[in-house]
Amino acid sequence: MKAKELEKMEKEIIKKAEEAGIENFYLFKTTFDRYQRLVRMCYDLEQTCENEPLMITKEYVKGRENVYVHPVIRAYNQTVGAANKTAETLTKLISCFKEEEPEVDDIDPLMEILNRK
């Protein structure tokens, strides 16, 4: 993903947060910063995955070789998982604080009776 595409998507998230009135909310800001960092880490790890062999060989004391999956793959999978969880948290924060105008049909009849004076 290109940097311009990331910036455009980040602006969309900020716009949604502004609509919900939480763009300056501490939990949103720290979670969003963490999400941005994780996405950039994923991008860097992807580049490493593309440029390095997926399997590596380690040589032991007696000259024996063992083949392993490159450690960057594990790091990438963990980082993607963390980014997905952080995105889920951002989505929950935005949707929990989103202010929606109640529709006329959404008025609870019991509350209407209780509120009459």
N, C-alpha and C. Protein backbone atom coordinates (compact mmCIF):
# COMPACT_ATOMS: atom_id res chain seq x y z
N MET A 1 0.84 -1.16 0.00
CA MET A 1 0.00 0.00 0.00
C MET A 1 0.89 1.24 0.00
N LYS A 2 0.54 2.22 -0.76
CA LYS A 2 1.35 3.42 -0.89
C LYS A 2 1.05 4.39 0.25
N ALA A 3 2.01 5.27 0.51
CA ALA A 3 1.88 6.24 1.60
C ALA A 3 0.67 7.15 1.41
N LYS A 4 0.41 7.54 0.17
CA LYS A 4 -0.74 8.42 -0.10
C LYS A 4 -2.05 7.72 0.22
N GLU A 5 -2.12 6.44 -0.09
CA GLU A 5 -3.33 5.67 0.21
C GLU A 5 -3.53 5.57 1.71
N LEU A 6 -2.44 5.34 2.44
CA LEU A 6 -2.52 5.26 3.90
C LEU A 6 -2.99 6.58 4.48
N GLU A 7 -2.44 7.69 3.99
CA GLU A 7 -2.82 9.00 4.49
C GLU A 7 -4.30 9.27 4.24
N LYS A 8 -4.78 8.87 3.08
CA LYS A 8 -6.20 9.08 2.74
C LYS A 8 -7.09 8.27 3.70
N MET A 9 -6.70 7.04 3.97
CA MET A 9 -7.48 6.20 4.88
C MET A 9 -7.41 6.73 6.31
N GLU A 10 -6.26 7.22 6.71
CA GLU A 10 -6.12 7.79 8.05
C GLU A 10 -7.01 9.02 8.21
N LYS A 11 -7.09 9.84 7.17
CA LYS A 11 -7.96 11.02 7.21
C LYS A 11 -9.42 10.61 7.34
N GLU A 12 -9.80 9.51 6.71
CA GLU A 12 -11.17 9.01 6.83
C GLU A 12 -11.48 8.59 8.27
N ILE A 13 -10.52 7.95 8.91
CA ILE A 13 -10.71 7.54 10.31
C ILE A 13 -10.86 8.78 11.18
N ILE A 14 -10.03 9.78 10.96
CA ILE A 14 -10.10 11.01 11.74
C ILE A 14 -11.44 11.71 11.50
N LYS A 15 -11.90 11.69 10.26
CA LYS A 15 -13.19 12.30 9.93
C LYS A 15 -14.32 11.60 10.70
N LYS A 16 -14.28 10.28 10.75
CA LYS A 16 -15.29 9.52 11.50
C LYS A 16 -15.22 9.87 12.99
N ALA A 17 -14.00 10.01 13.51
CA ALA A 17 -13.83 10.37 14.92
C ALA A 17 -14.37 11.77 15.19
N GLU A 18 -14.15 12.69 14.26
CA GLU A 18 -14.69 14.04 14.42
C GLU A 18 -16.21 14.02 14.42
N GLU A 19 -16.80 13.21 13.54
CA GLU A 19 -18.25 13.09 13.50
C GLU A 19 -18.79 12.55 14.81
N ALA A 20 -18.02 11.68 15.45
CA ALA A 20 -18.44 11.10 16.73
C ALA A 20 -18.06 12.01 17.90
N GLY A 21 -17.27 13.04 17.63
CA GLY A 21 -16.86 13.98 18.68
C GLY A 21 -15.76 13.44 19.58
N ILE A 22 -14.94 12.51 19.09
CA ILE A 22 -13.90 11.93 19.94
C ILE A 22 -12.49 12.14 19.40
N GLU A 23 -12.31 13.05 18.45
CA GLU A 23 -10.99 13.21 17.84
C GLU A 23 -9.93 13.66 18.85
N ASN A 24 -10.34 14.30 19.95
CA ASN A 24 -9.39 14.72 20.98
C ASN A 24 -9.48 13.88 22.24
N PHE A 25 -10.24 12.81 22.19
CA PHE A 25 -10.41 11.90 23.31
C PHE A 25 -9.13 11.09 23.47
N TYR A 26 -8.61 11.03 24.70
CA TYR A 26 -7.33 10.38 24.97
C TYR A 26 -7.26 8.96 24.44
N LEU A 27 -8.27 8.16 24.72
CA LEU A 27 -8.25 6.76 24.26
C LEU A 27 -8.23 6.66 22.74
N PHE A 28 -8.96 7.54 22.08
CA PHE A 28 -8.93 7.52 20.62
C PHE A 28 -7.54 7.89 20.10
N LYS A 29 -7.00 8.98 20.63
CA LYS A 29 -5.70 9.46 20.13
C LYS A 29 -4.60 8.42 20.32
N THR A 30 -4.52 7.83 21.52
CA THR A 30 -3.46 6.85 21.76
C THR A 30 -3.67 5.58 20.95
N THR A 31 -4.91 5.16 20.81
CA THR A 31 -5.20 3.96 20.02
C THR A 31 -4.91 4.21 18.54
N PHE A 32 -5.27 5.38 18.06
CA PHE A 32 -5.02 5.72 16.66
C PHE A 32 -3.53 5.82 16.38
N ASP A 33 -2.78 6.43 17.29
CA ASP A 33 -1.31 6.50 17.13
C ASP A 33 -0.71 5.10 17.07
N ARG A 34 -1.17 4.24 17.96
CA ARG A 34 -0.68 2.86 18.00
C ARG A 34 -1.03 2.14 16.68
N TYR A 35 -2.23 2.37 16.19
CA TYR A 35 -2.65 1.74 14.94
C TYR A 35 -1.77 2.20 13.78
N GLN A 36 -1.50 3.49 13.72
CA GLN A 36 -0.64 4.00 12.65
C GLN A 36 0.74 3.36 12.70
N ARG A 37 1.29 3.24 13.89
CA ARG A 37 2.61 2.62 14.06
C ARG A 37 2.59 1.16 13.62
N LEU A 38 1.55 0.44 14.01
CA LEU A 38 1.46 -0.98 13.64
C LEU A 38 1.32 -1.16 12.13
N VAL A 39 0.55 -0.31 11.49
CA VAL A 39 0.39 -0.41 10.03
C VAL A 39 1.72 -0.17 9.33
N ARG A 40 2.47 0.79 9.80
CA ARG A 40 3.77 1.06 9.20
C ARG A 40 4.76 -0.09 9.46
N MET A 41 4.67 -0.68 10.64
CA MET A 41 5.51 -1.84 10.92
C MET A 41 5.16 -3.00 9.99
N CYS A 42 3.88 -3.20 9.76
CA CYS A 42 3.44 -4.26 8.85
C CYS A 42 3.99 -4.02 7.45
N TYR A 43 3.96 -2.77 7.02
CA TYR A 43 4.49 -2.44 5.70
C TYR A 43 5.99 -2.78 5.62
N ASP A 44 6.74 -2.40 6.65
CA ASP A 44 8.19 -2.70 6.66
C ASP A 44 8.44 -4.21 6.67
N LEU A 45 7.67 -4.92 7.47
CA LEU A 45 7.82 -6.38 7.53
C LEU A 45 7.45 -7.04 6.20
N GLU A 46 6.44 -6.51 5.52
CA GLU A 46 6.07 -7.03 4.20
C GLU A 46 7.23 -6.88 3.22
N GLN A 47 7.89 -5.73 3.27
CA GLN A 47 9.02 -5.49 2.39
C GLN A 47 10.12 -6.51 2.65
N THR A 48 10.36 -6.81 3.92
CA THR A 48 11.38 -7.79 4.28
C THR A 48 10.98 -9.17 3.77
N CYS A 49 9.71 -9.51 3.92
CA CYS A 49 9.21 -10.81 3.44
C CYS A 49 9.42 -10.96 1.93
N GLU A 50 9.22 -9.87 1.20
CA GLU A 50 9.37 -9.92 -0.24
C GLU A 50 10.83 -10.01 -0.68
N ASN A 51 11.72 -9.46 0.12
CA ASN A 51 13.12 -9.38 -0.28
C ASN A 51 14.01 -10.47 0.33
N GLU A 52 13.52 -11.19 1.29
CA GLU A 52 14.28 -12.24 1.97
C GLU A 52 13.69 -13.60 1.62
N PRO A 53 14.49 -14.63 1.69
CA PRO A 53 13.93 -15.98 1.48
C PRO A 53 13.02 -16.35 2.66
N LEU A 54 11.96 -17.08 2.38
CA LEU A 54 11.02 -17.46 3.43
C LEU A 54 11.60 -18.55 4.34
N MET A 55 12.52 -19.31 3.82
CA MET A 55 13.17 -20.36 4.60
C MET A 55 14.63 -19.98 4.81
N ILE A 56 15.12 -20.17 6.04
CA ILE A 56 16.53 -19.89 6.33
C ILE A 56 17.18 -21.15 6.89
N THR A 57 18.49 -21.20 6.77
CA THR A 57 19.25 -22.35 7.25
C THR A 57 20.15 -21.90 8.39
N LYS A 58 20.11 -22.68 9.47
CA LYS A 58 21.01 -22.43 10.60
C LYS A 58 21.99 -23.58 10.68
N GLU A 59 23.23 -23.24 10.89
CA GLU A 59 24.26 -24.27 11.02
C GLU A 59 24.64 -24.41 12.49
N TYR A 60 24.68 -25.63 12.95
CA TYR A 60 25.01 -25.90 14.35
C TYR A 60 26.48 -26.27 14.50
N VAL A 61 26.91 -26.54 15.73
CA VAL A 61 28.31 -26.76 16.08
C VAL A 61 28.98 -27.83 15.23
N LYS A 62 28.32 -28.94 15.04
CA LYS A 62 28.94 -30.05 14.31
C LYS A 62 28.73 -29.93 12.80
N GLY A 63 28.33 -28.74 12.33
CA GLY A 63 28.17 -28.54 10.91
C GLY A 63 26.82 -28.97 10.36
N ARG A 64 25.96 -29.45 11.23
CA ARG A 64 24.63 -29.85 10.76
C ARG A 64 23.80 -28.60 10.45
N GLU A 65 22.98 -28.70 9.44
CA GLU A 65 22.13 -27.59 9.05
C GLU A 65 20.67 -27.95 9.30
N ASN A 66 19.94 -26.99 9.80
CA ASN A 66 18.49 -27.13 9.96
C ASN A 66 17.82 -25.99 9.22
N VAL A 67 16.71 -26.28 8.60
CA VAL A 67 15.96 -25.29 7.83
C VAL A 67 14.77 -24.82 8.68
N TYR A 68 14.60 -23.50 8.73
CA TYR A 68 13.53 -22.88 9.51
C TYR A 68 12.79 -21.86 8.66
N VAL A 69 11.58 -21.57 9.10
CA VAL A 69 10.83 -20.47 8.50
C VAL A 69 11.45 -19.18 9.01
N HIS A 70 11.59 -18.22 8.13
CA HIS A 70 12.21 -16.94 8.48
C HIS A 70 11.45 -16.30 9.65
N PRO A 71 12.15 -15.79 10.67
CA PRO A 71 11.49 -15.18 11.84
C PRO A 71 10.62 -13.97 11.51
N VAL A 72 10.90 -13.32 10.39
CA VAL A 72 10.10 -12.15 10.02
C VAL A 72 8.64 -12.54 9.75
N ILE A 73 8.40 -13.77 9.34
CA ILE A 73 7.03 -14.20 9.08
C ILE A 73 6.23 -14.22 10.37
N ARG A 74 6.82 -14.74 11.41
CA ARG A 74 6.15 -14.76 12.72
C ARG A 74 5.89 -13.33 13.22
N ALA A 75 6.90 -12.48 13.08
CA ALA A 75 6.75 -11.08 13.51
C ALA A 75 5.65 -10.39 12.72
N TYR A 76 5.60 -10.67 11.42
CA TYR A 76 4.56 -10.07 10.58
C TYR A 76 3.17 -10.52 11.02
N ASN A 77 3.01 -11.82 11.24
CA ASN A 77 1.70 -12.34 11.66
C ASN A 77 1.27 -11.74 13.00
N GLN A 78 2.19 -11.61 13.94
CA GLN A 78 1.86 -11.02 15.24
C GLN A 78 1.49 -9.55 15.09
N THR A 79 2.21 -8.83 14.26
CA THR A 79 1.94 -7.41 14.07
C THR A 79 0.61 -7.20 13.37
N VAL A 80 0.30 -8.03 12.39
CA VAL A 80 -0.99 -7.94 11.70
C VAL A 80 -2.12 -8.22 12.69
N GLY A 81 -1.95 -9.21 13.54
CA GLY A 81 -2.96 -9.52 14.55
C GLY A 81 -3.18 -8.35 15.50
N ALA A 82 -2.10 -7.73 15.94
CA ALA A 82 -2.21 -6.58 16.83
C ALA A 82 -2.87 -5.40 16.12
N ALA A 83 -2.53 -5.18 14.85
CA ALA A 83 -3.14 -4.09 14.09
C ALA A 83 -4.63 -4.33 13.91
N ASN A 84 -5.02 -5.57 13.66
CA ASN A 84 -6.44 -5.88 13.49
C ASN A 84 -7.22 -5.64 14.79
N LYS A 85 -6.64 -6.03 15.92
CA LYS A 85 -7.29 -5.81 17.21
C LYS A 85 -7.40 -4.32 17.52
N THR A 86 -6.36 -3.58 17.17
CA THR A 86 -6.37 -2.13 17.40
C THR A 86 -7.41 -1.47 16.50
N ALA A 87 -7.53 -1.92 15.27
CA ALA A 87 -8.55 -1.38 14.36
C ALA A 87 -9.95 -1.68 14.91
N GLU A 88 -10.12 -2.85 15.46
CA GLU A 88 -11.40 -3.22 16.06
C GLU A 88 -11.72 -2.28 17.24
N THR A 89 -10.72 -1.97 18.04
CA THR A 89 -10.91 -1.06 19.16
C THR A 89 -11.28 0.33 18.67
N LEU A 90 -10.61 0.80 17.62
CA LEU A 90 -10.95 2.10 17.05
C LEU A 90 -12.39 2.14 16.56
N THR A 91 -12.79 1.07 15.89
CA THR A 91 -14.15 0.99 15.38
C THR A 91 -15.17 1.04 16.52
N LYS A 92 -14.88 0.31 17.59
CA LYS A 92 -15.78 0.31 18.75
C LYS A 92 -15.84 1.69 19.39
N LEU A 93 -14.69 2.34 19.54
CA LEU A 93 -14.67 3.68 20.13
C LEU A 93 -15.52 4.65 19.33
N ILE A 94 -15.34 4.63 18.02
CA ILE A 94 -16.07 5.55 17.16
C ILE A 94 -17.56 5.25 17.21
N SER A 95 -17.93 3.98 17.12
CA SER A 95 -19.36 3.65 17.09
C SER A 95 -20.03 3.86 18.45
N CYS A 96 -19.29 3.69 19.55
CA CYS A 96 -19.88 3.90 20.88
C CYS A 96 -20.19 5.37 21.14
N PHE A 97 -19.36 6.25 20.62
CA PHE A 97 -19.54 7.66 20.90
C PHE A 97 -20.27 8.41 19.79
N LYS A 98 -20.59 7.71 18.73
CA LYS A 98 -21.26 8.36 17.62
C LYS A 98 -22.62 8.85 18.08
N GLU A 99 -22.86 10.12 17.88
CA GLU A 99 -24.13 10.71 18.28
C GLU A 99 -25.11 10.63 17.12
N GLU A 100 -26.16 9.93 17.36
CA GLU A 100 -27.19 9.83 16.34
C GLU A 100 -28.44 10.54 16.82
N GLU A 101 -29.06 11.23 15.91
CA GLU A 101 -30.31 11.90 16.21
C GLU A 101 -31.41 10.85 16.32
N PRO A 102 -32.16 10.86 17.42
CA PRO A 102 -33.25 9.89 17.52
C PRO A 102 -34.35 10.24 16.53
N GLU A 103 -34.85 9.24 15.89
CA GLU A 103 -35.95 9.45 14.96
C GLU A 103 -37.24 9.54 15.74
N VAL A 104 -38.24 10.13 15.14
CA VAL A 104 -39.53 10.30 15.80
C VAL A 104 -40.09 8.94 16.20
N ASP A 105 -39.89 7.93 15.37
CA ASP A 105 -40.41 6.60 15.65
C ASP A 105 -39.64 5.89 16.75
N ASP A 106 -38.45 6.39 17.10
CA ASP A 106 -37.62 5.73 18.09
C ASP A 106 -37.95 6.13 19.53
N ILE A 107 -38.93 7.00 19.72
CA ILE A 107 -39.29 7.43 21.06
C ILE A 107 -40.01 6.29 21.77
N ASP A 108 -39.50 5.99 22.96
CA ASP A 108 -40.07 4.92 23.76
C ASP A 108 -41.39 5.40 24.36
N PRO A 109 -42.50 4.69 24.11
CA PRO A 109 -43.80 5.12 24.63
C PRO A 109 -43.83 5.22 26.16
N LEU A 110 -43.16 4.32 26.85
CA LEU A 110 -43.12 4.36 28.30
C LEU A 110 -42.41 5.62 28.78
N MET A 111 -41.28 5.97 28.15
CA MET A 111 -40.56 7.18 28.53
C MET A 111 -41.41 8.41 28.25
N GLU A 112 -42.16 8.40 27.19
CA GLU A 112 -43.02 9.53 26.85
C GLU A 112 -44.07 9.72 27.95
N ILE A 113 -44.66 8.63 28.44
CA ILE A 113 -45.66 8.73 29.50
C ILE A 113 -45.00 9.21 30.79
N LEU A 114 -43.83 8.70 31.13
CA LEU A 114 -43.14 9.08 32.35
C LEU A 114 -42.69 10.55 32.33
N ASN A 115 -42.39 11.07 31.17
CA ASN A 115 -41.90 12.44 31.04
C ASN A 115 -43.03 13.48 31.04
N ARG A 116 -44.27 13.06 30.94
CA ARG A 116 -45.39 14.00 30.95
C ARG A 116 -45.58 14.56 32.35
N LYS A 117 -45.94 15.79 32.38
CA LYS A 117 -46.14 16.44 33.69
C LYS A 117 -47.58 16.77 33.91
